[in-house]
Amino acid sequence: MFGEIYGVQDIKYGLNNGNIGIAIFAVRRGNYFLNYSDFVAFCEEFALPKVPVLYIGAYTWEAVSQFNNANSVVSPNCIMEGVVVQPLIEKTHPEIGRVVLKLISDRYLLRKDGTELH
């Protein structure tokens, strides 16, 4: 399982007093990552929290960039770190490997006193 632990950096996503959260974003069985529908079924079977899904549909820059400087859906009073773009059916590319890309928000990258660097 691959996930994001949140509440540990300068952006707390609504958590305080040392509380942390986790959201799962991928599951690998052997050498293969689960397709999205199998990933959802796996998380539901084991009651695992998944990252929020903001959009399902054809990739376009317009579809993805609308989230570039949005507030978090986990905690609307916080900035969103970014969005991950991946296909519903896993695939690989000869130059980049697994096709999963992340658009990191401008607001996240330009914030002052951030405790995590990309």
C-alpha atoms as a PDB file:
ATOM      1  CA  MET A   1       0.000   0.000   0.000  1.00  0.00           C
ATOM      2  CA  PHE A   2       1.099   3.545  -0.742  1.00  0.00           C
ATOM      3  CA  GLY A   3      -0.377   6.470   1.092  1.00  0.00           C
ATOM      4  CA  GLU A   4       0.033  10.024   2.252  1.00  0.00           C
ATOM      5  CA  ILE A   5       0.378  10.822   5.950  1.00  0.00           C
ATOM      6  CA  TYR A   6      -0.942  14.301   6.646  1.00  0.00           C
ATOM      7  CA  GLY A   7      -1.026  16.634   9.606  1.00  0.00           C
ATOM      8  CA  VAL A   8       2.739  16.379  10.164  1.00  0.00           C
ATOM      9  CA  GLN A   9       3.989  19.345   8.149  1.00  0.00           C
ATOM     10  CA  ASP A  10       3.182  23.039   8.360  1.00  0.00           C
ATOM     11  CA  ILE A  11      -0.203  22.466   6.682  1.00  0.00           C
ATOM     12  CA  LYS A  12      -2.237  20.479   9.208  1.00  0.00           C
ATOM     13  CA  TYR A  13      -5.384  19.861   7.124  1.00  0.00           C
ATOM     14  CA  GLY A  14      -7.612  20.450  10.123  1.00  0.00           C
ATOM     15  CA  LEU A  15      -5.657  18.196  12.483  1.00  0.00           C
ATOM     16  CA  ASN A  16      -3.996  19.446  15.653  1.00  0.00           C
ATOM     17  CA  ASN A  17      -2.588  18.277  18.984  1.00  0.00           C
ATOM     18  CA  GLY A  18      -0.248  15.847  17.218  1.00  0.00           C
ATOM     19  CA  ASN A  19      -3.055  14.023  15.406  1.00  0.00           C
ATOM     20  CA  ILE A  20      -2.267  12.675  11.964  1.00  0.00           C
ATOM     21  CA  GLY A  21      -4.286  11.215   9.124  1.00  0.00           C
ATOM     22  CA  ILE A  22      -3.552   8.838   6.289  1.00  0.00           C
ATOM     23  CA  ALA A  23      -5.043   8.450   2.832  1.00  0.00           C
ATOM     24  CA  ILE A  24      -4.175   5.530   0.568  1.00  0.00           C
ATOM     25  CA  PHE A  25      -3.510   6.279  -3.102  1.00  0.00           C
ATOM     26  CA  ALA A  26      -2.213   3.014  -4.588  1.00  0.00           C
ATOM     27  CA  VAL A  27      -1.901  -0.700  -3.904  1.00  0.00           C
ATOM     28  CA  ARG A  28       0.636  -2.977  -5.521  1.00  0.00           C
ATOM     29  CA  ARG A  29       0.323  -6.748  -5.647  1.00  0.00           C
ATOM     30  CA  GLY A  30       3.616  -8.299  -6.631  1.00  0.00           C
ATOM     31  CA  ASN A  31       5.011  -6.271  -9.514  1.00  0.00           C
ATOM     32  CA  TYR A  32       1.667  -4.764 -10.551  1.00  0.00           C
ATOM     33  CA  PHE A  33      -0.390  -1.858  -9.272  1.00  0.00           C
ATOM     34  CA  LEU A  34      -4.126  -2.401  -9.009  1.00  0.00           C
ATOM     35  CA  ASN A  35      -6.379  -0.742 -11.566  1.00  0.00           C
ATOM     36  CA  TYR A  36      -8.589   1.937 -10.034  1.00  0.00           C
ATOM     37  CA  SER A  37     -11.721  -0.199  -9.600  1.00  0.00           C
ATOM     38  CA  ASP A  38      -9.708  -2.965  -7.899  1.00  0.00           C
ATOM     39  CA  PHE A  39      -7.960  -0.373  -5.732  1.00  0.00           C
ATOM     40  CA  VAL A  40     -11.334   0.999  -4.577  1.00  0.00           C
ATOM     41  CA  ALA A  41     -12.599  -2.529  -3.820  1.00  0.00           C
ATOM     42  CA  PHE A  42      -9.436  -3.300  -1.828  1.00  0.00           C
ATOM     43  CA  CYS A  43      -9.760  -0.119   0.247  1.00  0.00           C
ATOM     44  CA  GLU A  44     -13.444  -0.773   0.886  1.00  0.00           C
ATOM     45  CA  GLU A  45     -12.797  -4.397   1.897  1.00  0.00           C
ATOM     46  CA  PHE A  46     -10.283  -3.310   4.544  1.00  0.00           C
ATOM     47  CA  ALA A  47     -11.983   0.024   5.440  1.00  0.00           C
ATOM     48  CA  LEU A  48      -8.941   2.032   4.343  1.00  0.00           C
ATOM     49  CA  PRO A  49      -9.249   5.780   3.737  1.00  0.00           C
ATOM     50  CA  LYS A  50      -8.574   6.773   0.119  1.00  0.00           C
ATOM     51  CA  VAL A  51      -7.331  10.082  -1.217  1.00  0.00           C
ATOM     52  CA  PRO A  52     -10.213  12.239  -2.472  1.00  0.00           C
ATOM     53  CA  VAL A  53     -11.080  11.908  -6.154  1.00  0.00           C
ATOM     54  CA  LEU A  54     -11.627  15.309  -7.747  1.00  0.00           C
ATOM     55  CA  TYR A  55     -12.271  14.339 -11.353  1.00  0.00           C
ATOM     56  CA  ILE A  56     -12.724  11.225 -13.471  1.00  0.00           C
ATOM     57  CA  GLY A  57     -12.691  11.707 -17.205  1.00  0.00           C
ATOM     58  CA  ALA A  58     -10.539  12.419 -20.196  1.00  0.00           C
ATOM     59  CA  TYR A  59      -7.286  14.198 -19.434  1.00  0.00           C
ATOM     60  CA  THR A  60      -7.128  17.808 -20.497  1.00  0.00           C
ATOM     61  CA  TRP A  61      -4.993  20.607 -19.117  1.00  0.00           C
ATOM     62  CA  GLU A  62      -8.166  22.557 -18.364  1.00  0.00           C
ATOM     63  CA  ALA A  63      -9.586  19.684 -16.306  1.00  0.00           C
ATOM     64  CA  VAL A  64      -6.431  19.377 -14.189  1.00  0.00           C
ATOM     65  CA  SER A  65      -5.388  23.021 -13.918  1.00  0.00           C
ATOM     66  CA  GLN A  66      -8.717  24.047 -12.350  1.00  0.00           C
ATOM     67  CA  PHE A  67      -7.396  22.461  -9.152  1.00  0.00           C
ATOM     68  CA  ASN A  68      -3.943  24.081  -9.269  1.00  0.00           C
ATOM     69  CA  ASN A  69      -4.614  26.749  -6.653  1.00  0.00           C
ATOM     70  CA  ALA A  70      -7.740  25.399  -5.000  1.00  0.00           C
ATOM     71  CA  ASN A  71      -8.288  24.853  -1.314  1.00  0.00           C
ATOM     72  CA  SER A  72      -8.100  21.339   0.087  1.00  0.00           C
ATOM     73  CA  VAL A  73     -11.197  19.154  -0.001  1.00  0.00           C
ATOM     74  CA  VAL A  74      -9.917  17.412   3.147  1.00  0.00           C
ATOM     75  CA  SER A  75      -9.857  20.719   5.022  1.00  0.00           C
ATOM     76  CA  PRO A  76     -11.297  23.688   3.060  1.00  0.00           C
ATOM     77  CA  ASN A  77      -9.403  26.201   5.241  1.00  0.00           C
ATOM     78  CA  CYS A  78      -6.067  24.862   3.940  1.00  0.00           C
ATOM     79  CA  ILE A  79      -4.386  25.123   0.579  1.00  0.00           C
ATOM     80  CA  MET A  80      -4.259  22.014  -1.575  1.00  0.00           C
ATOM     81  CA  GLU A  81      -0.779  20.603  -2.046  1.00  0.00           C
ATOM     82  CA  GLY A  82      -1.516  19.406  -5.542  1.00  0.00           C
ATOM     83  CA  VAL A  83      -3.316  16.824  -7.625  1.00  0.00           C
ATOM     84  CA  VAL A  84      -2.268  13.430  -8.906  1.00  0.00           C
ATOM     85  CA  VAL A  85      -3.211  12.407 -12.428  1.00  0.00           C
ATOM     86  CA  GLN A  86      -3.373   8.745 -13.330  1.00  0.00           C
ATOM     87  CA  PRO A  87      -5.302   6.482 -15.701  1.00  0.00           C
ATOM     88  CA  LEU A  88      -8.146   4.238 -14.506  1.00  0.00           C
ATOM     89  CA  ILE A  89      -6.345   1.282 -16.083  1.00  0.00           C
ATOM     90  CA  GLU A  90      -2.698   1.070 -15.050  1.00  0.00           C
ATOM     91  CA  LYS A  91      -0.121   1.519 -17.771  1.00  0.00           C
ATOM     92  CA  THR A  92       3.549   2.253 -18.171  1.00  0.00           C
ATOM     93  CA  HIS A  93       5.488   4.500 -20.496  1.00  0.00           C
ATOM     94  CA  PRO A  94       8.959   3.583 -21.780  1.00  0.00           C
ATOM     95  CA  GLU A  95      10.482   6.878 -20.587  1.00  0.00           C
ATOM     96  CA  ILE A  96       8.741   7.532 -17.265  1.00  0.00           C
ATOM     97  CA  GLY A  97       7.601   4.078 -16.110  1.00  0.00           C
ATOM     98  CA  ARG A  98       4.259   3.974 -14.312  1.00  0.00           C
ATOM     99  CA  VAL A  99       1.962   6.659 -15.708  1.00  0.00           C
ATOM    100  CA  VAL A 100       1.214   8.759 -12.629  1.00  0.00           C
ATOM    101  CA  LEU A 101       2.015  12.463 -12.525  1.00  0.00           C
ATOM    102  CA  LYS A 102       1.507  15.160  -9.911  1.00  0.00           C
ATOM    103  CA  LEU A 103       0.732  18.820 -10.447  1.00  0.00           C
ATOM    104  CA  ILE A 104       1.992  20.617  -7.347  1.00  0.00           C
ATOM    105  CA  SER A 105       0.061  23.783  -6.586  1.00  0.00           C
ATOM    106  CA  ASP A 106       1.729  27.160  -7.095  1.00  0.00           C
ATOM    107  CA  ARG A 107       0.425  28.287  -3.701  1.00  0.00           C
ATOM    108  CA  TYR A 108       2.014  25.259  -2.042  1.00  0.00           C
ATOM    109  CA  LEU A 109       5.376  25.790  -3.720  1.00  0.00           C
ATOM    110  CA  LEU A 110       5.451  29.531  -2.998  1.00  0.00           C
ATOM    111  CA  ARG A 111       4.250  29.475   0.623  1.00  0.00           C
ATOM    112  CA  LYS A 112       6.597  30.820   3.277  1.00  0.00           C
ATOM    113  CA  ASP A 113       8.093  28.676   6.020  1.00  0.00           C
ATOM    114  CA  GLY A 114       7.027  25.381   4.446  1.00  0.00           C
ATOM    115  CA  THR A 115       8.391  22.305   6.199  1.00  0.00           C
ATOM    116  CA  GLU A 116       8.442  19.989   3.183  1.00  0.00           C
ATOM    117  CA  LEU A 117      10.378  20.626  -0.002  1.00  0.00           C
ATOM    118  CA  HIS A 118       9.655  19.182  -3.429  1.00  0.00           C
END
